[in-house]
Amino acid sequence: MIVNKNDYHCETTSLHEVAAGRIEAKKICYPVSYVVNPRLTTFIQDAVMKVNTDNQTVTLQKHGEISYDYLLIALGFEPESFGVEGVYEYAFPIADIPAVEKIRRHIETQFAKWQDEQKDELLTIVVGGAGFTSFEFLGELTNQLPSFVNRYHVPQEKVRIICIESSPDVLPMFDRKLANYGTKKTRKARR
């Protein structure tokens, strides 16, 4: 049995592609029935309100209480600031479909406003953190910049992408040689 508040599965590892405008959200979301065999697995669309390990029950918002023999709780992920101050207060998280669609709309709105206002800060994109997800977003954004520049008729030399990282290295969880390779590829693509 699977319980989920949504009736779809989302490939969260591709959220950065939606945020950068490479693909539409519907390309990374699938109905649960595409992911699991409904003849072998019961799917309940509901929100979990309480887990009672003593009685081996889970209380659902709409369907009441269900019992279990084994329980696996898969909560997904949560954005992390890794010490970059102001990220939670001022940044858009790469967290879910509504959040990444908001990022994409914001970038497009800023580029569109530049035509009327000619303020270069509208073409400045700041990314908080240089961890795996941020780095993927930076790479995807770098690849998508030519299409934004052409669509909104902005001078490419005025577009700035800034990455703020609290540690001295990008991709701090990777081997330094591999992280440096990724940095060089991103810088090369930007030119």
N, C-alpha and C. Protein backbone atom coordinates (compact mmCIF):
# COMPACT_ATOMS: atom_id res chain seq x y z
N MET A 1 0.83 -1.16 0.00
CA MET A 1 0.00 0.00 0.00
C MET A 1 0.89 1.24 0.00
N ILE A 2 0.50 2.21 -0.79
CA ILE A 2 1.21 3.49 -0.84
C ILE A 2 0.21 4.60 -0.51
N VAL A 3 0.62 5.50 0.37
CA VAL A 3 -0.19 6.66 0.70
C VAL A 3 0.61 7.89 0.32
N ASN A 4 -0.03 8.78 -0.44
CA ASN A 4 0.62 10.03 -0.83
C ASN A 4 -0.45 11.10 -0.99
N LYS A 5 -0.10 12.32 -0.64
CA LYS A 5 -1.09 13.40 -0.76
C LYS A 5 -1.33 13.78 -2.22
N ASN A 6 -0.38 13.49 -3.09
CA ASN A 6 -0.53 13.78 -4.52
C ASN A 6 -0.83 12.50 -5.29
N ASP A 7 -1.50 12.63 -6.41
CA ASP A 7 -1.79 11.45 -7.24
C ASP A 7 -0.75 11.26 -8.33
N TYR A 8 0.39 11.90 -8.15
CA TYR A 8 1.46 11.81 -9.14
C TYR A 8 2.80 11.62 -8.44
N HIS A 9 3.75 11.13 -9.20
CA HIS A 9 5.14 11.02 -8.76
C HIS A 9 5.93 12.06 -9.51
N CYS A 10 6.79 12.77 -8.83
CA CYS A 10 7.61 13.82 -9.47
C CYS A 10 9.08 13.45 -9.37
N GLU A 11 9.78 13.53 -10.48
CA GLU A 11 11.23 13.30 -10.48
C GLU A 11 11.90 14.56 -9.96
N THR A 12 12.08 14.62 -8.66
CA THR A 12 12.62 15.84 -8.05
C THR A 12 14.05 16.13 -8.49
N THR A 13 14.74 15.12 -8.97
CA THR A 13 16.11 15.35 -9.46
C THR A 13 16.13 16.15 -10.75
N SER A 14 14.96 16.39 -11.35
CA SER A 14 14.88 17.20 -12.57
C SER A 14 14.22 18.55 -12.35
N LEU A 15 13.96 18.92 -11.10
CA LEU A 15 13.31 20.20 -10.83
C LEU A 15 14.11 21.39 -11.36
N HIS A 16 15.43 21.29 -11.32
CA HIS A 16 16.26 22.40 -11.81
C HIS A 16 16.04 22.67 -13.30
N GLU A 17 15.68 21.63 -14.06
CA GLU A 17 15.42 21.81 -15.49
C GLU A 17 14.15 22.61 -15.73
N VAL A 18 13.15 22.40 -14.90
CA VAL A 18 11.91 23.18 -14.99
C VAL A 18 12.20 24.62 -14.58
N ALA A 19 12.94 24.80 -13.50
CA ALA A 19 13.27 26.15 -13.00
C ALA A 19 14.03 26.97 -14.04
N ALA A 20 14.92 26.32 -14.77
CA ALA A 20 15.73 27.02 -15.78
C ALA A 20 15.02 27.17 -17.12
N GLY A 21 13.87 26.56 -17.25
CA GLY A 21 13.10 26.73 -18.49
C GLY A 21 13.41 25.75 -19.59
N ARG A 22 14.12 24.68 -19.29
CA ARG A 22 14.44 23.70 -20.34
C ARG A 22 13.26 22.80 -20.66
N ILE A 23 12.51 22.40 -19.63
CA ILE A 23 11.37 21.52 -19.84
C ILE A 23 10.18 22.00 -19.03
N GLU A 24 9.01 21.51 -19.40
CA GLU A 24 7.79 21.83 -18.67
C GLU A 24 7.63 20.83 -17.51
N ALA A 25 6.93 21.26 -16.48
CA ALA A 25 6.73 20.42 -15.29
C ALA A 25 6.08 19.09 -15.63
N LYS A 26 5.18 19.07 -16.59
CA LYS A 26 4.48 17.82 -16.92
C LYS A 26 5.43 16.75 -17.44
N LYS A 27 6.62 17.13 -17.87
CA LYS A 27 7.59 16.16 -18.37
C LYS A 27 8.27 15.37 -17.25
N ILE A 28 8.20 15.88 -16.01
CA ILE A 28 8.87 15.17 -14.91
C ILE A 28 7.87 14.64 -13.88
N CYS A 29 6.58 14.72 -14.19
CA CYS A 29 5.54 14.21 -13.28
C CYS A 29 4.75 13.11 -13.98
N TYR A 30 4.49 12.05 -13.24
CA TYR A 30 3.78 10.90 -13.78
C TYR A 30 2.67 10.49 -12.82
N PRO A 31 1.54 10.06 -13.34
CA PRO A 31 0.51 9.50 -12.45
C PRO A 31 1.09 8.31 -11.68
N VAL A 32 0.68 8.17 -10.44
CA VAL A 32 1.17 7.06 -9.62
C VAL A 32 0.95 5.73 -10.33
N SER A 33 -0.15 5.62 -11.07
CA SER A 33 -0.45 4.36 -11.76
C SER A 33 0.60 4.02 -12.83
N TYR A 34 1.40 5.01 -13.28
CA TYR A 34 2.48 4.73 -14.22
C TYR A 34 3.70 4.16 -13.52
N VAL A 35 3.80 4.45 -12.23
CA VAL A 35 5.00 4.08 -11.47
C VAL A 35 4.84 2.75 -10.75
N VAL A 36 3.63 2.46 -10.27
CA VAL A 36 3.39 1.20 -9.56
C VAL A 36 2.28 0.42 -10.25
N ASN A 37 2.31 -0.88 -10.10
CA ASN A 37 1.31 -1.76 -10.68
C ASN A 37 0.08 -1.77 -9.76
N PRO A 38 -1.05 -1.22 -10.20
CA PRO A 38 -2.24 -1.15 -9.33
C PRO A 38 -2.81 -2.52 -8.97
N ARG A 39 -2.45 -3.58 -9.70
CA ARG A 39 -2.90 -4.92 -9.33
C ARG A 39 -2.12 -5.46 -8.14
N LEU A 40 -0.92 -4.92 -7.93
CA LEU A 40 -0.07 -5.41 -6.84
C LEU A 40 0.01 -4.44 -5.66
N THR A 41 -0.33 -3.18 -5.90
CA THR A 41 -0.18 -2.15 -4.87
C THR A 41 -1.44 -1.30 -4.79
N THR A 42 -1.95 -1.11 -3.60
CA THR A 42 -3.10 -0.22 -3.38
C THR A 42 -2.56 1.18 -3.16
N PHE A 43 -3.10 2.14 -3.90
CA PHE A 43 -2.72 3.54 -3.73
C PHE A 43 -3.86 4.30 -3.07
N ILE A 44 -3.53 5.05 -2.02
CA ILE A 44 -4.50 5.90 -1.34
C ILE A 44 -3.99 7.34 -1.41
N GLN A 45 -4.78 8.21 -2.04
CA GLN A 45 -4.39 9.61 -2.08
C GLN A 45 -4.96 10.28 -0.84
N ASP A 46 -4.06 10.64 0.07
CA ASP A 46 -4.48 11.22 1.34
C ASP A 46 -3.24 11.79 2.04
N ALA A 47 -3.50 12.55 3.09
CA ALA A 47 -2.41 13.12 3.90
C ALA A 47 -2.32 12.33 5.21
N VAL A 48 -1.09 12.03 5.61
CA VAL A 48 -0.85 11.33 6.87
C VAL A 48 -0.90 12.37 7.99
N MET A 49 -1.74 12.09 8.98
CA MET A 49 -1.90 13.00 10.11
C MET A 49 -1.12 12.53 11.34
N LYS A 50 -1.00 11.20 11.50
CA LYS A 50 -0.36 10.67 12.70
C LYS A 50 0.13 9.25 12.44
N VAL A 51 1.25 8.91 13.03
CA VAL A 51 1.77 7.55 12.99
C VAL A 51 1.84 7.05 14.44
N ASN A 52 1.22 5.92 14.68
CA ASN A 52 1.23 5.32 16.01
C ASN A 52 1.99 4.00 15.92
N THR A 53 3.25 4.03 16.31
CA THR A 53 4.10 2.83 16.18
C THR A 53 3.71 1.75 17.20
N ASP A 54 3.14 2.14 18.34
CA ASP A 54 2.73 1.14 19.33
C ASP A 54 1.62 0.24 18.79
N ASN A 55 0.65 0.82 18.10
CA ASN A 55 -0.47 0.05 17.55
C ASN A 55 -0.25 -0.34 16.09
N GLN A 56 0.85 0.10 15.51
CA GLN A 56 1.14 -0.11 14.09
C GLN A 56 -0.02 0.38 13.21
N THR A 57 -0.38 1.65 13.43
CA THR A 57 -1.42 2.28 12.63
C THR A 57 -0.97 3.65 12.14
N VAL A 58 -1.60 4.07 11.06
CA VAL A 58 -1.38 5.40 10.49
C VAL A 58 -2.75 6.05 10.35
N THR A 59 -2.89 7.26 10.84
CA THR A 59 -4.14 7.99 10.73
C THR A 59 -4.06 8.92 9.53
N LEU A 60 -5.02 8.75 8.61
CA LEU A 60 -5.07 9.57 7.40
C LEU A 60 -6.16 10.63 7.55
N GLN A 61 -5.98 11.74 6.88
CA GLN A 61 -6.91 12.85 6.98
C GLN A 61 -8.33 12.48 6.54
N LYS A 62 -8.46 11.79 5.40
CA LYS A 62 -9.79 11.47 4.86
C LYS A 62 -10.21 10.02 5.11
N HIS A 63 -9.24 9.11 5.10
CA HIS A 63 -9.56 7.69 5.15
C HIS A 63 -9.45 7.07 6.54
N GLY A 64 -9.24 7.88 7.55
CA GLY A 64 -9.17 7.34 8.91
C GLY A 64 -7.91 6.56 9.18
N GLU A 65 -8.05 5.51 9.96
CA GLU A 65 -6.89 4.74 10.42
C GLU A 65 -6.68 3.49 9.58
N ILE A 66 -5.43 3.25 9.22
CA ILE A 66 -5.06 2.01 8.53
C ILE A 66 -3.94 1.34 9.34
N SER A 67 -3.87 0.03 9.27
CA SER A 67 -2.82 -0.69 10.00
C SER A 67 -1.73 -1.13 9.04
N TYR A 68 -0.59 -1.46 9.62
CA TYR A 68 0.55 -1.90 8.81
C TYR A 68 1.35 -2.97 9.54
N ASP A 69 2.07 -3.76 8.75
CA ASP A 69 3.04 -4.70 9.31
C ASP A 69 4.43 -4.07 9.31
N TYR A 70 4.77 -3.42 8.16
CA TYR A 70 6.04 -2.72 8.01
C TYR A 70 5.71 -1.32 7.49
N LEU A 71 6.43 -0.34 7.98
CA LEU A 71 6.17 1.05 7.59
C LEU A 71 7.45 1.69 7.08
N LEU A 72 7.38 2.24 5.90
CA LEU A 72 8.48 3.00 5.32
C LEU A 72 7.97 4.42 5.13
N ILE A 73 8.65 5.37 5.74
CA ILE A 73 8.27 6.77 5.61
C ILE A 73 9.28 7.43 4.68
N ALA A 74 8.81 7.88 3.53
CA ALA A 74 9.66 8.55 2.54
C ALA A 74 9.15 9.98 2.39
N LEU A 75 9.82 10.90 3.05
CA LEU A 75 9.34 12.28 3.10
C LEU A 75 9.87 13.16 1.98
N GLY A 76 10.71 12.63 1.14
CA GLY A 76 11.26 13.46 0.08
C GLY A 76 12.48 14.21 0.58
N PHE A 77 12.56 15.48 0.22
CA PHE A 77 13.70 16.28 0.63
C PHE A 77 13.23 17.67 1.03
N GLU A 78 14.14 18.39 1.63
CA GLU A 78 13.84 19.76 2.03
C GLU A 78 15.03 20.63 1.64
N PRO A 79 14.78 21.80 1.06
CA PRO A 79 15.91 22.68 0.70
C PRO A 79 16.76 23.02 1.91
N GLU A 80 18.04 23.22 1.67
CA GLU A 80 19.01 23.49 2.73
C GLU A 80 19.83 24.72 2.35
N SER A 81 20.09 25.60 3.29
CA SER A 81 20.86 26.82 3.01
C SER A 81 22.36 26.61 3.15
N PHE A 82 22.78 25.58 3.87
CA PHE A 82 24.19 25.30 4.14
C PHE A 82 24.93 26.55 4.63
N GLY A 83 24.26 27.33 5.44
CA GLY A 83 24.91 28.48 6.06
C GLY A 83 24.91 29.77 5.27
N VAL A 84 24.31 29.79 4.10
CA VAL A 84 24.25 31.03 3.33
C VAL A 84 23.12 31.88 3.91
N GLU A 85 23.48 32.97 4.58
CA GLU A 85 22.49 33.81 5.25
C GLU A 85 21.54 34.45 4.25
N GLY A 86 20.28 34.52 4.64
CA GLY A 86 19.26 35.17 3.83
C GLY A 86 18.59 34.29 2.81
N VAL A 87 19.09 33.07 2.63
CA VAL A 87 18.52 32.18 1.61
C VAL A 87 17.05 31.88 1.91
N TYR A 88 16.76 31.50 3.14
CA TYR A 88 15.37 31.15 3.48
C TYR A 88 14.44 32.36 3.37
N GLU A 89 14.96 33.53 3.71
CA GLU A 89 14.12 34.74 3.71
C GLU A 89 13.90 35.32 2.32
N TYR A 90 14.91 35.24 1.43
CA TYR A 90 14.86 36.00 0.19
C TYR A 90 14.93 35.19 -1.10
N ALA A 91 15.22 33.92 -1.01
CA ALA A 91 15.41 33.12 -2.23
C ALA A 91 14.20 32.25 -2.52
N PHE A 92 14.09 31.83 -3.77
CA PHE A 92 13.09 30.87 -4.19
C PHE A 92 13.71 29.47 -4.07
N PRO A 93 13.10 28.56 -3.34
CA PRO A 93 13.69 27.23 -3.20
C PRO A 93 13.40 26.34 -4.41
N ILE A 94 14.32 25.48 -4.72
CA ILE A 94 14.07 24.42 -5.71
C ILE A 94 13.53 23.26 -4.88
N ALA A 95 12.20 23.25 -4.69
CA ALA A 95 11.60 22.34 -3.73
C ALA A 95 10.52 21.45 -4.32
N ASP A 96 9.70 22.01 -5.19
CA ASP A 96 8.58 21.26 -5.76
C ASP A 96 8.14 21.97 -7.05
N ILE A 97 7.13 21.43 -7.70
CA ILE A 97 6.68 21.99 -8.99
C ILE A 97 6.24 23.45 -8.86
N PRO A 98 5.36 23.81 -7.93
CA PRO A 98 4.98 25.23 -7.84
C PRO A 98 6.17 26.16 -7.60
N ALA A 99 7.13 25.72 -6.79
CA ALA A 99 8.30 26.55 -6.49
C ALA A 99 9.18 26.77 -7.71
N VAL A 100 9.44 25.72 -8.49
CA VAL A 100 10.33 25.89 -9.65
C VAL A 100 9.63 26.63 -10.79
N GLU A 101 8.31 26.47 -10.88
CA GLU A 101 7.58 27.26 -11.88
C GLU A 101 7.62 28.74 -11.51
N LYS A 102 7.62 29.03 -10.22
CA LYS A 102 7.73 30.42 -9.75
C LYS A 102 9.11 30.99 -10.11
N ILE A 103 10.16 30.18 -9.96
CA ILE A 103 11.52 30.62 -10.33
C ILE A 103 11.55 30.96 -11.82
N ARG A 104 11.05 30.07 -12.62
CA ARG A 104 11.05 30.27 -14.07
C ARG A 104 10.29 31.54 -14.46
N ARG A 105 9.08 31.72 -13.89
CA ARG A 105 8.29 32.92 -14.19
C ARG A 105 9.01 34.19 -13.74
N HIS A 106 9.68 34.10 -12.59
CA HIS A 106 10.40 35.27 -12.08
C HIS A 106 11.53 35.66 -13.03
N ILE A 107 12.30 34.71 -13.47
CA ILE A 107 13.39 35.01 -14.41
C ILE A 107 12.83 35.62 -15.69
N GLU A 108 11.78 35.03 -16.24
CA GLU A 108 11.19 35.53 -17.47
C GLU A 108 10.60 36.94 -17.27
N THR A 109 9.97 37.18 -16.13
CA THR A 109 9.41 38.50 -15.84
C THR A 109 10.50 39.55 -15.75
N GLN A 110 11.60 39.21 -15.07
CA GLN A 110 12.71 40.16 -14.93
C GLN A 110 13.31 40.50 -16.29
N PHE A 111 13.50 39.49 -17.13
CA PHE A 111 14.06 39.72 -18.46
C PHE A 111 13.11 40.59 -19.28
N ALA A 112 11.82 40.33 -19.19
CA ALA A 112 10.83 41.10 -19.94
C ALA A 112 10.79 42.56 -19.46
N LYS A 113 10.93 42.78 -18.16
CA LYS A 113 10.91 44.14 -17.60
C LYS A 113 12.11 44.96 -18.07
N TRP A 114 13.20 44.28 -18.38
CA TRP A 114 14.42 45.01 -18.76
C TRP A 114 14.18 45.90 -19.97
N GLN A 115 13.38 45.46 -20.92
CA GLN A 115 13.10 46.25 -22.12
C GLN A 115 12.57 47.63 -21.76
N ASP A 116 11.69 47.72 -20.78
CA ASP A 116 11.09 49.00 -20.40
C ASP A 116 11.95 49.79 -19.42
N GLU A 117 12.56 49.10 -18.48
CA GLU A 117 13.25 49.79 -17.39
C GLU A 117 14.75 49.95 -17.60
N GLN A 118 15.37 49.08 -18.41
CA GLN A 118 16.81 49.12 -18.69
C GLN A 118 17.67 49.11 -17.42
N LYS A 119 17.20 48.42 -16.38
CA LYS A 119 17.96 48.28 -15.14
C LYS A 119 18.71 46.96 -15.19
N ASP A 120 20.04 47.04 -15.15
CA ASP A 120 20.85 45.84 -15.29
C ASP A 120 20.63 44.81 -14.18
N GLU A 121 20.22 45.26 -12.98
CA GLU A 121 19.98 44.30 -11.90
C GLU A 121 18.84 43.34 -12.23
N LEU A 122 17.99 43.70 -13.17
CA LEU A 122 16.92 42.79 -13.60
C LEU A 122 17.49 41.58 -14.33
N LEU A 123 18.70 41.71 -14.84
CA LEU A 123 19.35 40.62 -15.57
C LEU A 123 20.40 39.90 -14.72
N THR A 124 20.38 40.14 -13.42
CA THR A 124 21.31 39.49 -12.51
C THR A 124 20.57 38.38 -11.76
N ILE A 125 21.10 37.17 -11.86
CA ILE A 125 20.52 36.01 -11.19
C ILE A 125 21.51 35.54 -10.14
N VAL A 126 21.05 35.49 -8.89
CA VAL A 126 21.90 35.05 -7.78
C VAL A 126 21.39 33.69 -7.32
N VAL A 127 22.30 32.73 -7.23
CA VAL A 127 21.98 31.37 -6.80
C VAL A 127 22.67 31.15 -5.46
N GLY A 128 21.91 30.74 -4.47
CA GLY A 128 22.46 30.49 -3.14
C GLY A 128 22.94 29.06 -3.01
N GLY A 129 24.22 28.91 -2.79
CA GLY A 129 24.80 27.58 -2.60
C GLY A 129 25.37 27.00 -3.88
N ALA A 130 26.44 26.26 -3.73
CA ALA A 130 27.08 25.60 -4.87
C ALA A 130 27.14 24.10 -4.64
N GLY A 131 26.08 23.58 -4.04
CA GLY A 131 25.93 22.15 -3.87
C GLY A 131 25.41 21.53 -5.15
N PHE A 132 25.04 20.27 -5.08
CA PHE A 132 24.67 19.52 -6.27
C PHE A 132 23.48 20.15 -7.01
N THR A 133 22.38 20.42 -6.32
CA THR A 133 21.19 20.96 -6.99
C THR A 133 21.46 22.35 -7.55
N SER A 134 22.11 23.20 -6.77
CA SER A 134 22.43 24.54 -7.25
C SER A 134 23.33 24.49 -8.48
N PHE A 135 24.30 23.59 -8.45
CA PHE A 135 25.23 23.49 -9.57
C PHE A 135 24.52 22.99 -10.82
N GLU A 136 23.60 22.03 -10.63
CA GLU A 136 22.80 21.57 -11.78
C GLU A 136 21.98 22.72 -12.34
N PHE A 137 21.38 23.52 -11.46
CA PHE A 137 20.59 24.66 -11.89
C PHE A 137 21.47 25.68 -12.62
N LEU A 138 22.64 25.96 -12.08
CA LEU A 138 23.57 26.89 -12.73
C LEU A 138 23.93 26.42 -14.14
N GLY A 139 24.23 25.12 -14.28
CA GLY A 139 24.56 24.58 -15.59
C GLY A 139 23.40 24.67 -16.57
N GLU A 140 22.21 24.31 -16.10
CA GLU A 140 21.03 24.36 -16.95
C GLU A 140 20.69 25.80 -17.33
N LEU A 141 20.82 26.70 -16.38
CA LEU A 141 20.56 28.12 -16.63
C LEU A 141 21.54 28.68 -17.65
N THR A 142 22.79 28.30 -17.53
CA THR A 142 23.81 28.71 -18.49
C THR A 142 23.46 28.23 -19.89
N ASN A 143 23.00 27.01 -20.00
CA ASN A 143 22.60 26.47 -21.31
C ASN A 143 21.36 27.17 -21.87
N GLN A 144 20.46 27.62 -20.99
CA GLN A 144 19.22 28.24 -21.44
C GLN A 144 19.35 29.74 -21.71
N LEU A 145 20.43 30.37 -21.26
CA LEU A 145 20.57 31.82 -21.43
C LEU A 145 20.43 32.31 -22.86
N PRO A 146 21.00 31.66 -23.85
CA PRO A 146 20.82 32.15 -25.22
C PRO A 146 19.35 32.26 -25.63
N SER A 147 18.52 31.32 -25.18
CA SER A 147 17.10 31.40 -25.55
C SER A 147 16.42 32.56 -24.83
N PHE A 148 16.77 32.81 -23.56
CA PHE A 148 16.21 33.96 -22.84
C PHE A 148 16.66 35.26 -23.51
N VAL A 149 17.94 35.34 -23.84
CA VAL A 149 18.49 36.55 -24.48
C VAL A 149 17.77 36.83 -25.79
N ASN A 150 17.58 35.80 -26.62
CA ASN A 150 16.90 35.98 -27.90
C ASN A 150 15.43 36.31 -27.73
N ARG A 151 14.75 35.61 -26.84
CA ARG A 151 13.31 35.81 -26.66
C ARG A 151 12.99 37.20 -26.13
N TYR A 152 13.82 37.70 -25.20
CA TYR A 152 13.54 38.99 -24.57
C TYR A 152 14.40 40.13 -25.10
N HIS A 153 15.22 39.86 -26.09
CA HIS A 153 16.04 40.88 -26.76
C HIS A 153 16.86 41.69 -25.76
N VAL A 154 17.61 40.98 -24.94
CA VAL A 154 18.49 41.64 -23.99
C VAL A 154 19.94 41.36 -24.38
N PRO A 155 20.84 42.29 -24.10
CA PRO A 155 22.26 42.06 -24.42
C PRO A 155 22.85 40.99 -23.50
N GLN A 156 23.40 39.95 -24.10
CA GLN A 156 23.93 38.84 -23.31
C GLN A 156 25.02 39.30 -22.35
N GLU A 157 25.81 40.30 -22.74
CA GLU A 157 26.90 40.75 -21.88
C GLU A 157 26.39 41.42 -20.60
N LYS A 158 25.14 41.79 -20.56
CA LYS A 158 24.57 42.41 -19.36
C LYS A 158 24.02 41.37 -18.38
N VAL A 159 23.86 40.14 -18.83
CA VAL A 159 23.34 39.08 -17.96
C VAL A 159 24.45 38.60 -17.04
N ARG A 160 24.14 38.56 -15.76
CA ARG A 160 25.12 38.09 -14.77
C ARG A 160 24.49 36.98 -13.95
N ILE A 161 25.27 35.92 -13.73
CA ILE A 161 24.85 34.85 -12.84
C ILE A 161 25.88 34.79 -11.72
N ILE A 162 25.41 34.92 -10.51
CA ILE A 162 26.29 34.94 -9.34
C ILE A 162 25.90 33.77 -8.44
N CYS A 163 26.90 33.05 -7.97
CA CYS A 163 26.67 31.94 -7.04
C CYS A 163 27.31 32.31 -5.70
N ILE A 164 26.51 32.25 -4.64
CA ILE A 164 27.00 32.55 -3.29
C ILE A 164 27.12 31.23 -2.55
N GLU A 165 28.31 30.93 -2.05
CA GLU A 165 28.57 29.66 -1.37
C GLU A 165 29.32 29.94 -0.07
N SER A 166 28.91 29.30 1.01
CA SER A 166 29.54 29.55 2.31
C SER A 166 30.88 28.83 2.48
N SER A 167 31.09 27.75 1.73
CA SER A 167 32.38 27.05 1.83
C SER A 167 33.32 27.58 0.75
N PRO A 168 34.61 27.32 0.87
CA PRO A 168 35.55 27.83 -0.14
C PRO A 168 35.49 27.08 -1.48
N ASP A 169 34.75 25.98 -1.53
CA ASP A 169 34.71 25.16 -2.74
C ASP A 169 33.30 25.00 -3.27
N VAL A 170 33.18 24.86 -4.60
CA VAL A 170 31.91 24.46 -5.18
C VAL A 170 31.82 22.94 -5.09
N LEU A 171 30.61 22.43 -5.11
CA LEU A 171 30.36 21.00 -4.98
C LEU A 171 31.21 20.39 -3.86
N PRO A 172 31.06 20.91 -2.64
CA PRO A 172 31.92 20.46 -1.54
C PRO A 172 31.81 18.97 -1.22
N MET A 173 30.73 18.31 -1.67
CA MET A 173 30.57 16.89 -1.38
C MET A 173 31.28 15.99 -2.38
N PHE A 174 31.88 16.57 -3.42
CA PHE A 174 32.54 15.81 -4.47
C PHE A 174 34.06 15.87 -4.35
N ASP A 175 34.70 14.92 -4.98
CA ASP A 175 36.15 14.92 -5.12
C ASP A 175 36.56 16.23 -5.78
N ARG A 176 37.63 16.87 -5.32
CA ARG A 176 38.06 18.18 -5.82
C ARG A 176 38.31 18.16 -7.34
N LYS A 177 38.91 17.09 -7.86
CA LYS A 177 39.20 17.02 -9.29
C LYS A 177 37.90 17.06 -10.10
N LEU A 178 36.90 16.31 -9.67
CA LEU A 178 35.61 16.27 -10.36
C LEU A 178 34.89 17.62 -10.22
N ALA A 179 34.92 18.21 -9.03
CA ALA A 179 34.28 19.51 -8.80
C ALA A 179 34.93 20.59 -9.66
N ASN A 180 36.24 20.59 -9.76
CA ASN A 180 36.94 21.57 -10.59
C ASN A 180 36.61 21.40 -12.06
N TYR A 181 36.46 20.16 -12.51
CA TYR A 181 36.06 19.89 -13.89
C TYR A 181 34.69 20.51 -14.17
N GLY A 182 33.74 20.31 -13.26
CA GLY A 182 32.40 20.87 -13.41
C GLY A 182 32.42 22.39 -13.46
N THR A 183 33.27 23.01 -12.63
CA THR A 183 33.39 24.46 -12.61
C THR A 183 33.92 24.96 -13.95
N LYS A 184 34.95 24.31 -14.47
CA LYS A 184 35.53 24.72 -15.76
C LYS A 184 34.52 24.59 -16.89
N LYS A 185 33.74 23.51 -16.90
CA LYS A 185 32.74 23.32 -17.95
C LYS A 185 31.67 24.41 -17.89
N THR A 186 31.25 24.78 -16.69
CA THR A 186 30.23 25.82 -16.55
C THR A 186 30.77 27.17 -16.98
N ARG A 187 32.00 27.49 -16.61
CA ARG A 187 32.59 28.77 -17.03
C ARG A 187 32.76 28.81 -18.55
N LYS A 188 33.20 27.70 -19.14
CA LYS A 188 33.40 27.64 -20.58
C LYS A 188 32.08 27.83 -21.34
N ALA A 189 31.01 27.21 -20.86
CA ALA A 189 29.70 27.33 -21.50
C ALA A 189 29.18 28.74 -21.44
N ARG A 190 29.55 29.49 -20.42
CA ARG A 190 29.05 30.85 -20.20
C ARG A 190 29.66 31.84 -21.20
N ARG A 191 30.82 31.53 -21.72
CA ARG A 191 31.51 32.49 -22.60
C ARG A 191 30.93 32.55 -23.98
